[in-house]
PDB file of N, CA and C in Angstrom:
ATOM      1  N   MET A   1      -5.800 -11.293   4.473  1.00  0.00           N
ATOM      2  CA  MET A   1      -4.474 -10.431   4.649  1.00  0.00           C
ATOM      3  C   MET A   1      -3.969 -10.728   6.034  1.00  0.00           C
ATOM      4  N   SER A   2      -2.721 -10.994   6.057  1.00  0.00           N
ATOM      5  CA  SER A   2      -2.146 -11.178   7.431  1.00  0.00           C
ATOM      6  C   SER A   2      -1.895  -9.842   8.163  1.00  0.00           C
ATOM      7  N   THR A   3      -1.750 -10.073   9.396  1.00  0.00           N
ATOM      8  CA  THR A   3      -1.675  -8.908  10.418  1.00  0.00           C
ATOM      9  C   THR A   3      -0.511  -8.013   9.997  1.00  0.00           C
ATOM     10  N   ASP A   4       0.641  -8.531   9.684  1.00  0.00           N
ATOM     11  CA  ASP A   4       1.835  -7.824   9.241  1.00  0.00           C
ATOM     12  C   ASP A   4       1.538  -6.967   7.993  1.00  0.00           C
ATOM     13  N   ILE A   5       0.929  -7.608   7.082  1.00  0.00           N
ATOM     14  CA  ILE A   5       0.665  -6.781   5.761  1.00  0.00           C
ATOM     15  C   ILE A   5      -0.483  -5.711   6.113  1.00  0.00           C
ATOM     16  N   LYS A   6      -1.387  -6.003   7.032  1.00  0.00           N
ATOM     17  CA  LYS A   6      -2.405  -4.989   7.295  1.00  0.00           C
ATOM     18  C   LYS A   6      -1.688  -3.846   8.057  1.00  0.00           C
ATOM     19  N   ILE A   7      -0.834  -4.011   8.953  1.00  0.00           N
ATOM     20  CA  ILE A   7      -0.068  -2.933   9.526  1.00  0.00           C
ATOM     21  C   ILE A   7       0.722  -2.225   8.495  1.00  0.00           C
ATOM     22  N   ALA A   8       1.380  -2.938   7.658  1.00  0.00           N
ATOM     23  CA  ALA A   8       2.208  -2.219   6.673  1.00  0.00           C
ATOM     24  C   ALA A   8       1.452  -1.395   5.710  1.00  0.00           C
ATOM     25  N   HIS A   9       0.346  -1.924   5.281  1.00  0.00           N
ATOM     26  CA  HIS A   9      -0.672  -1.131   4.503  1.00  0.00           C
ATOM     27  C   HIS A   9      -1.067   0.091   5.251  1.00  0.00           C
ATOM     28  N   ASP A  10      -1.459  -0.012   6.375  1.00  0.00           N
ATOM     29  CA  ASP A  10      -1.933   1.100   7.278  1.00  0.00           C
ATOM     30  C   ASP A  10      -0.776   2.141   7.296  1.00  0.00           C
ATOM     31  N   GLN A  11       0.436   1.698   7.574  1.00  0.00           N
ATOM     32  CA  GLN A  11       1.653   2.643   7.650  1.00  0.00           C
ATOM     33  C   GLN A  11       1.797   3.367   6.236  1.00  0.00           C
ATOM     34  N   ILE A  12       1.709   2.668   5.223  1.00  0.00           N
ATOM     35  CA  ILE A  12       2.000   3.170   3.895  1.00  0.00           C
ATOM     36  C   ILE A  12       0.853   4.275   3.641  1.00  0.00           C
ATOM     37  N   LYS A  13      -0.459   3.805   3.862  1.00  0.00           N
ATOM     38  CA  LYS A  13      -1.648   4.668   3.675  1.00  0.00           C
ATOM     39  C   LYS A  13      -1.492   6.038   4.334  1.00  0.00           C
ATOM     40  N   ALA A  14      -1.023   5.901   5.650  1.00  0.00           N
ATOM     41  CA  ALA A  14      -0.760   7.063   6.535  1.00  0.00           C
ATOM     42  C   ALA A  14       0.191   8.024   5.872  1.00  0.00           C
ATOM     43  N   ILE A  15       1.422   7.482   5.348  1.00  0.00           N
ATOM     44  CA  ILE A  15       2.378   8.293   4.720  1.00  0.00           C
ATOM     45  C   ILE A  15       1.793   9.020   3.472  1.00  0.00           C
ATOM     46  N   VAL A  16       1.093   8.201   2.591  1.00  0.00           N
ATOM     47  CA  VAL A  16       0.556   8.885   1.458  1.00  0.00           C
ATOM     48  C   VAL A  16      -0.521   9.913   1.722  1.00  0.00           C
ATOM     49  N   ALA A  17      -1.337   9.601   2.685  1.00  0.00           N
ATOM     50  CA  ALA A  17      -2.486  10.560   3.085  1.00  0.00           C
ATOM     51  C   ALA A  17      -1.837  11.803   3.676  1.00  0.00           C
ATOM     52  N   GLU A  18      -0.683  11.746   4.350  1.00  0.00           N
ATOM     53  CA  GLU A  18      -0.095  13.032   4.801  1.00  0.00           C
ATOM     54  C   GLU A  18       0.450  13.802   3.793  1.00  0.00           C
ATOM     55  N   VAL A  19       1.102  13.242   2.741  1.00  0.00           N
ATOM     56  CA  VAL A  19       1.513  13.957   1.599  1.00  0.00           C
ATOM     57  C   VAL A  19       0.491  14.646   0.844  1.00  0.00           C
ATOM     58  N   LEU A  20      -0.643  13.899   0.677  1.00  0.00           N
ATOM     59  CA  LEU A  20      -1.830  14.471  -0.004  1.00  0.00           C
ATOM     60  C   LEU A  20      -2.607  15.330   0.791  1.00  0.00           C
ATOM     61  N   GLU A  21      -2.358  15.468   2.034  1.00  0.00           N
ATOM     62  CA  GLU A  21      -3.029  16.356   2.958  1.00  0.00           C
ATOM     63  C   GLU A  21      -4.497  16.043   3.098  1.00  0.00           C
ATOM     64  N   ILE A  22      -4.658  14.698   3.320  1.00  0.00           N
ATOM     65  CA  ILE A  22      -6.178  14.220   3.422  1.00  0.00           C
ATOM     66  C   ILE A  22      -6.060  13.111   4.640  1.00  0.00           C
ATOM     67  N   GLU A  23      -7.262  12.783   5.125  1.00  0.00           N
ATOM     68  CA  GLU A  23      -7.314  11.832   6.260  1.00  0.00           C
ATOM     69  C   GLU A  23      -7.176  10.477   5.654  1.00  0.00           C
ATOM     70  N   PRO A  24      -6.454   9.599   6.232  1.00  0.00           N
ATOM     71  CA  PRO A  24      -6.247   8.161   5.745  1.00  0.00           C
ATOM     72  C   PRO A  24      -7.642   7.512   5.290  1.00  0.00           C
ATOM     73  N   VAL A  25      -8.550   7.814   6.204  1.00  0.00           N
ATOM     74  CA  VAL A  25      -9.903   7.108   5.977  1.00  0.00           C
ATOM     75  C   VAL A  25     -10.563   7.629   4.650  1.00  0.00           C
ATOM     76  N   ASN A  26     -10.132   8.780   4.236  1.00  0.00           N
ATOM     77  CA  ASN A  26     -10.728   9.373   2.908  1.00  0.00           C
ATOM     78  C   ASN A  26      -9.907   8.802   1.571  1.00  0.00           C
ATOM     79  N   LEU A  27      -8.834   8.045   1.827  1.00  0.00           N
ATOM     80  CA  LEU A  27      -8.006   7.541   0.847  1.00  0.00           C
ATOM     81  C   LEU A  27      -8.444   6.128   0.401  1.00  0.00           C
ATOM     82  N   THR A  28      -8.972   5.905  -0.672  1.00  0.00           N
ATOM     83  CA  THR A  28      -9.297   4.560  -1.130  1.00  0.00           C
ATOM     84  C   THR A  28      -8.245   3.914  -1.909  1.00  0.00           C
ATOM     85  N   ASP A  29      -8.304   2.690  -1.986  1.00  0.00           N
ATOM     86  CA  ASP A  29      -7.298   1.787  -2.557  1.00  0.00           C
ATOM     87  C   ASP A  29      -7.209   2.120  -4.178  1.00  0.00           C
ATOM     88  N   THR A  30      -8.305   2.340  -4.711  1.00  0.00           N
ATOM     89  CA  THR A  30      -8.440   2.479  -6.162  1.00  0.00           C
ATOM     90  C   THR A  30      -8.595   3.958  -6.681  1.00  0.00           C
ATOM     91  N   GLY A  31      -8.591   4.909  -5.813  1.00  0.00           N
ATOM     92  CA  GLY A  31      -8.805   6.323  -6.122  1.00  0.00           C
ATOM     93  C   GLY A  31      -7.468   6.859  -6.828  1.00  0.00           C
ATOM     94  N   ASN A  32      -7.615   7.347  -7.941  1.00  0.00           N
ATOM     95  CA  ASN A  32      -6.514   7.925  -8.786  1.00  0.00           C
ATOM     96  C   ASN A  32      -6.043   9.109  -8.102  1.00  0.00           C
ATOM     97  N   PHE A  33      -4.728   9.224  -7.714  1.00  0.00           N
ATOM     98  CA  PHE A  33      -4.005  10.345  -7.051  1.00  0.00           C
ATOM     99  C   PHE A  33      -4.342  11.715  -7.759  1.00  0.00           C
ATOM    100  N   GLU A  34      -4.153  11.729  -9.116  1.00  0.00           N
ATOM    101  CA  GLU A  34      -4.368  12.944  -9.862  1.00  0.00           C
ATOM    102  C   GLU A  34      -5.644  13.269 -10.045  1.00  0.00           C
ATOM    103  N   GLN A  35      -6.577  12.376 -10.377  1.00  0.00           N
ATOM    104  CA  GLN A  35      -8.017  12.711 -10.678  1.00  0.00           C
ATOM    105  C   GLN A  35      -8.777  12.852  -9.426  1.00  0.00           C
ATOM    106  N   ASN A  36      -8.571  11.986  -8.389  1.00  0.00           N
ATOM    107  CA  ASN A  36      -9.443  11.986  -7.313  1.00  0.00           C
ATOM    108  C   ASN A  36      -8.905  12.916  -6.108  1.00  0.00           C
ATOM    109  N   TYR A  37      -7.576  13.125  -6.091  1.00  0.00           N
ATOM    110  CA  TYR A  37      -7.063  13.800  -4.862  1.00  0.00           C
ATOM    111  C   TYR A  37      -6.158  15.083  -5.321  1.00  0.00           C
ATOM    112  N   ASN A  38      -6.294  15.335  -6.587  1.00  0.00           N
ATOM    113  CA  ASN A  38      -5.636  16.575  -7.212  1.00  0.00           C
ATOM    114  C   ASN A  38      -4.170  16.683  -7.021  1.00  0.00           C
ATOM    115  N   ALA A  39      -3.440  15.441  -7.075  1.00  0.00           N
ATOM    116  CA  ALA A  39      -2.157  15.388  -6.910  1.00  0.00           C
ATOM    117  C   ALA A  39      -1.375  15.614  -8.286  1.00  0.00           C
ATOM    118  N   ASP A  40      -0.360  16.452  -8.297  1.00  0.00           N
ATOM    119  CA  ASP A  40       0.321  16.772  -9.512  1.00  0.00           C
ATOM    120  C   ASP A  40       1.555  15.937  -9.449  1.00  0.00           C
ATOM    121  N   SER A  41       2.472  16.070 -10.442  1.00  0.00           N
ATOM    122  CA  SER A  41       3.683  15.285 -10.589  1.00  0.00           C
ATOM    123  C   SER A  41       4.635  15.455  -9.419  1.00  0.00           C
ATOM    124  N   LEU A  42       4.632  16.689  -8.905  1.00  0.00           N
ATOM    125  CA  LEU A  42       5.504  17.059  -7.806  1.00  0.00           C
ATOM    126  C   LEU A  42       5.032  16.409  -6.544  1.00  0.00           C
ATOM    127  N   ARG A  43       3.726  16.218  -6.313  1.00  0.00           N
ATOM    128  CA  ARG A  43       3.252  15.521  -5.224  1.00  0.00           C
ATOM    129  C   ARG A  43       3.463  14.016  -5.300  1.00  0.00           C
ATOM    130  N   ALA A  44       3.529  13.599  -6.482  1.00  0.00           N
ATOM    131  CA  ALA A  44       3.912  12.188  -6.747  1.00  0.00           C
ATOM    132  C   ALA A  44       5.325  11.797  -6.377  1.00  0.00           C
ATOM    133  N   ILE A  45       6.208  12.689  -6.584  1.00  0.00           N
ATOM    134  CA  ILE A  45       7.618  12.635  -6.206  1.00  0.00           C
ATOM    135  C   ILE A  45       7.660  12.746  -4.758  1.00  0.00           C
ATOM    136  N   GLU A  46       6.856  13.600  -4.074  1.00  0.00           N
ATOM    137  CA  GLU A  46       6.908  13.827  -2.657  1.00  0.00           C
ATOM    138  C   GLU A  46       6.433  12.516  -2.007  1.00  0.00           C
ATOM    139  N   ILE A  47       5.387  11.815  -2.600  1.00  0.00           N
ATOM    140  CA  ILE A  47       5.058  10.471  -2.084  1.00  0.00           C
ATOM    141  C   ILE A  47       6.182   9.471  -2.127  1.00  0.00           C
ATOM    142  N   LEU A  48       6.823   9.349  -3.221  1.00  0.00           N
ATOM    143  CA  LEU A  48       7.952   8.363  -3.397  1.00  0.00           C
ATOM    144  C   LEU A  48       9.072   8.833  -2.436  1.00  0.00           C
ATOM    145  N   ALA A  49       9.409  10.065  -2.211  1.00  0.00           N
ATOM    146  CA  ALA A  49      10.443  10.314  -1.264  1.00  0.00           C
ATOM    147  C   ALA A  49      10.069  10.030   0.181  1.00  0.00           C
ATOM    148  N   ALA A  50       8.697  10.247   0.531  1.00  0.00           N
ATOM    149  CA  ALA A  50       8.337  10.095   1.930  1.00  0.00           C
ATOM    150  C   ALA A  50       8.353   8.615   2.167  1.00  0.00           C
ATOM    151  N   LEU A  51       7.884   7.768   1.198  1.00  0.00           N
ATOM    152  CA  LEU A  51       7.929   6.320   1.386  1.00  0.00           C
ATOM    153  C   LEU A  51       9.366   5.816   1.492  1.00  0.00           C
ATOM    154  N   GLU A  52      10.241   6.317   0.715  1.00  0.00           N
ATOM    155  CA  GLU A  52      11.663   6.036   0.848  1.00  0.00           C
ATOM    156  C   GLU A  52      12.332   6.313   2.197  1.00  0.00           C
ATOM    157  N   ARG A  53      12.027   7.554   2.633  1.00  0.00           N
ATOM    158  CA  ARG A  53      12.475   7.994   3.819  1.00  0.00           C
ATOM    159  C   ARG A  53      11.889   7.316   5.120  1.00  0.00           C
ATOM    160  N   GLU A  54      10.579   7.073   5.152  1.00  0.00           N
ATOM    161  CA  GLU A  54       9.877   6.407   6.292  1.00  0.00           C
ATOM    162  C   GLU A  54      10.148   4.899   6.384  1.00  0.00           C
ATOM    163  N   LEU A  55      10.139   4.178   5.187  1.00  0.00           N
ATOM    164  CA  LEU A  55      10.275   2.855   5.102  1.00  0.00           C
ATOM    165  C   LEU A  55      11.733   2.357   4.913  1.00  0.00           C
ATOM    166  N   LYS A  56      12.648   3.266   4.685  1.00  0.00           N
ATOM    167  CA  LYS A  56      14.018   3.050   4.501  1.00  0.00           C
ATOM    168  C   LYS A  56      14.358   2.008   3.239  1.00  0.00           C
ATOM    169  N   ILE A  57      13.653   2.360   2.167  1.00  0.00           N
ATOM    170  CA  ILE A  57      13.688   1.620   0.914  1.00  0.00           C
ATOM    171  C   ILE A  57      14.004   2.635  -0.165  1.00  0.00           C
ATOM    172  N   GLU A  58      14.490   1.945  -1.345  1.00  0.00           N
ATOM    173  CA  GLU A  58      14.855   2.843  -2.515  1.00  0.00           C
ATOM    174  C   GLU A  58      13.887   2.345  -3.654  1.00  0.00           C
ATOM    175  N   ILE A  59      13.265   3.348  -4.193  1.00  0.00           N
ATOM    176  CA  ILE A  59      12.205   3.021  -5.280  1.00  0.00           C
ATOM    177  C   ILE A  59      12.682   4.031  -6.448  1.00  0.00           C
ATOM    178  N   PRO A  60      12.949   3.309  -7.576  1.00  0.00           N
ATOM    179  CA  PRO A  60      13.440   4.184  -8.840  1.00  0.00           C
ATOM    180  C   PRO A  60      12.205   4.961  -9.232  1.00  0.00           C
ATOM    181  N   GLN A  61      12.607   6.205  -9.702  1.00  0.00           N
ATOM    182  CA  GLN A  61      11.622   7.126 -10.204  1.00  0.00           C
ATOM    183  C   GLN A  61      10.684   6.573 -11.295  1.00  0.00           C
ATOM    184  N   GLU A  62      11.214   5.681 -12.119  1.00  0.00           N
ATOM    185  CA  GLU A  62      10.461   5.096 -13.156  1.00  0.00           C
ATOM    186  C   GLU A  62       9.169   4.369 -12.734  1.00  0.00           C
ATOM    187  N   GLU A  63       9.228   4.047 -11.339  1.00  0.00           N
ATOM    188  CA  GLU A  63       8.032   3.363 -10.757  1.00  0.00           C
ATOM    189  C   GLU A  63       6.862   4.338 -10.568  1.00  0.00           C
ATOM    190  N   LEU A  64       7.075   5.542 -10.596  1.00  0.00           N
ATOM    191  CA  LEU A  64       6.023   6.595 -10.443  1.00  0.00           C
ATOM    192  C   LEU A  64       4.767   6.238 -11.317  1.00  0.00           C
ATOM    193  N   SER A  65       5.058   5.781 -12.555  1.00  0.00           N
ATOM    194  CA  SER A  65       3.926   5.466 -13.408  1.00  0.00           C
ATOM    195  C   SER A  65       2.982   4.334 -12.944  1.00  0.00           C
ATOM    196  N   ARG A  66       3.550   3.533 -11.979  1.00  0.00           N
ATOM    197  CA  ARG A  66       2.713   2.452 -11.443  1.00  0.00           C
ATOM    198  C   ARG A  66       2.037   2.970 -10.233  1.00  0.00           C
ATOM    199  N   MET A  67       2.524   4.038  -9.585  1.00  0.00           N
ATOM    200  CA  MET A  67       2.014   4.482  -8.389  1.00  0.00           C
ATOM    201  C   MET A  67       0.944   5.566  -8.470  1.00  0.00           C
ATOM    202  N   ILE A  68      -0.142   5.176  -9.180  1.00  0.00           N
ATOM    203  CA  ILE A  68      -1.206   6.091  -9.434  1.00  0.00           C
ATOM    204  C   ILE A  68      -2.292   6.113  -8.424  1.00  0.00           C
ATOM    205  N   ASN A  69      -2.314   4.929  -7.551  1.00  0.00           N
ATOM    206  CA  ASN A  69      -3.253   4.735  -6.479  1.00  0.00           C
ATOM    207  C   ASN A  69      -2.620   3.935  -5.451  1.00  0.00           C
ATOM    208  N   MET A  70      -3.350   3.609  -4.408  1.00  0.00           N
ATOM    209  CA  MET A  70      -2.847   2.993  -3.286  1.00  0.00           C
ATOM    210  C   MET A  70      -2.502   1.563  -3.648  1.00  0.00           C
ATOM    211  N   LEU A  71      -3.291   0.806  -4.506  1.00  0.00           N
ATOM    212  CA  LEU A  71      -2.919  -0.447  -4.895  1.00  0.00           C
ATOM    213  C   LEU A  71      -1.611  -0.532  -5.600  1.00  0.00           C
ATOM    214  N   GLY A  72      -1.364   0.390  -6.531  1.00  0.00           N
ATOM    215  CA  GLY A  72      -0.097   0.517  -7.272  1.00  0.00           C
ATOM    216  C   GLY A  72       1.044   0.879  -6.196  1.00  0.00           C
ATOM    217  N   VAL A  73       0.889   1.569  -5.210  1.00  0.00           N
ATOM    218  CA  VAL A  73       1.896   1.938  -4.248  1.00  0.00           C
ATOM    219  C   VAL A  73       2.239   0.714  -3.418  1.00  0.00           C
ATOM    220  N   TYR A  74       1.153   0.052  -2.970  1.00  0.00           N
ATOM    221  CA  TYR A  74       1.428  -1.242  -2.215  1.00  0.00           C
ATOM    222  C   TYR A  74       2.267  -2.207  -3.004  1.00  0.00           C
ATOM    223  N   GLU A  75       1.911  -2.426  -4.253  1.00  0.00           N
ATOM    224  CA  GLU A  75       2.745  -3.302  -5.134  1.00  0.00           C
ATOM    225  C   GLU A  75       4.182  -2.918  -5.186  1.00  0.00           C
ATOM    226  N   VAL A  76       4.363  -1.582  -5.507  1.00  0.00           N
ATOM    227  CA  VAL A  76       5.735  -1.045  -5.742  1.00  0.00           C
ATOM    228  C   VAL A  76       6.547  -1.274  -4.332  1.00  0.00           C
ATOM    229  N   VAL A  77       5.914  -0.807  -3.251  1.00  0.00           N
ATOM    230  CA  VAL A  77       6.648  -0.919  -1.977  1.00  0.00           C
ATOM    231  C   VAL A  77       7.021  -2.444  -1.586  1.00  0.00           C
ATOM    232  N   GLU A  78       5.977  -3.337  -1.858  1.00  0.00           N
ATOM    233  CA  GLU A  78       6.331  -4.746  -1.576  1.00  0.00           C
ATOM    234  C   GLU A  78       7.331  -5.286  -2.484  1.00  0.00           C
ATOM    235  N   GLN A  79       7.558  -4.841  -3.769  1.00  0.00           N
ATOM    236  CA  GLN A  79       8.472  -5.129  -4.656  1.00  0.00           C
ATOM    237  C   GLN A  79       9.855  -4.832  -4.235  1.00  0.00           C
ATOM    238  N   TYR A  80      10.137  -3.514  -3.719  1.00  0.00           N
ATOM    239  CA  TYR A  80      11.365  -2.947  -3.322  1.00  0.00           C
ATOM    240  C   TYR A  80      11.680  -3.046  -1.916  1.00  0.00           C
ATOM    241  N   SER A  81      10.809  -3.507  -1.056  1.00  0.00           N
ATOM    242  CA  SER A  81      11.016  -3.467   0.354  1.00  0.00           C
ATOM    243  C   SER A  81      12.111  -4.571   0.810  1.00  0.00           C
ATOM    244  N   GLY A  82      12.249  -5.560   0.065  1.00  0.00           N
ATOM    245  CA  GLY A  82      13.330  -6.546   0.333  1.00  0.00           C
ATOM    246  C   GLY A  82      14.673  -6.200  -0.212  1.00  0.00           C
ATOM    247  N   GLN A  83      14.809  -5.097  -0.794  1.00  0.00           N
ATOM    248  CA  GLN A  83      16.127  -4.789  -1.469  1.00  0.00           C
ATOM    249  C   GLN A  83      16.850  -3.556  -0.783  1.00  0.00           C
ATOM    250  N   ALA A  84      16.334  -3.220   0.385  1.00  0.00           N
ATOM    251  CA  ALA A  84      16.895  -1.968   1.036  1.00  0.00           C
ATOM    252  C   ALA A  84      17.962  -2.339   2.023  1.00  0.00           C
ATOM    253  N   GLU A  85      18.685  -3.379   1.922  1.00  0.00           N
ATOM    254  CA  GLU A  85      19.557  -3.827   2.882  1.00  0.00           C
ATOM    255  C   GLU A  85      20.866  -2.920   2.695  1.00  0.00           C
TER     256      GLU A  85
END
């Protein structure tokens, strides 16, 4: 993993952890937000909005179904990060 990607992943993880009200160190890449961190659908929308605001990107709400854990979030952010110009 390159340094830039590592920094981006750390930033994304910090954003998600803040919304979930947990420490980033306790957030795993594969932990299911709903099952492992008690996140409901409103919390999922908060995660999406925080990522859009902090990273200055636009993510369609349809992508929420892919954003069930950090791996999904990383994929979605990487997909849409080049389209925010």
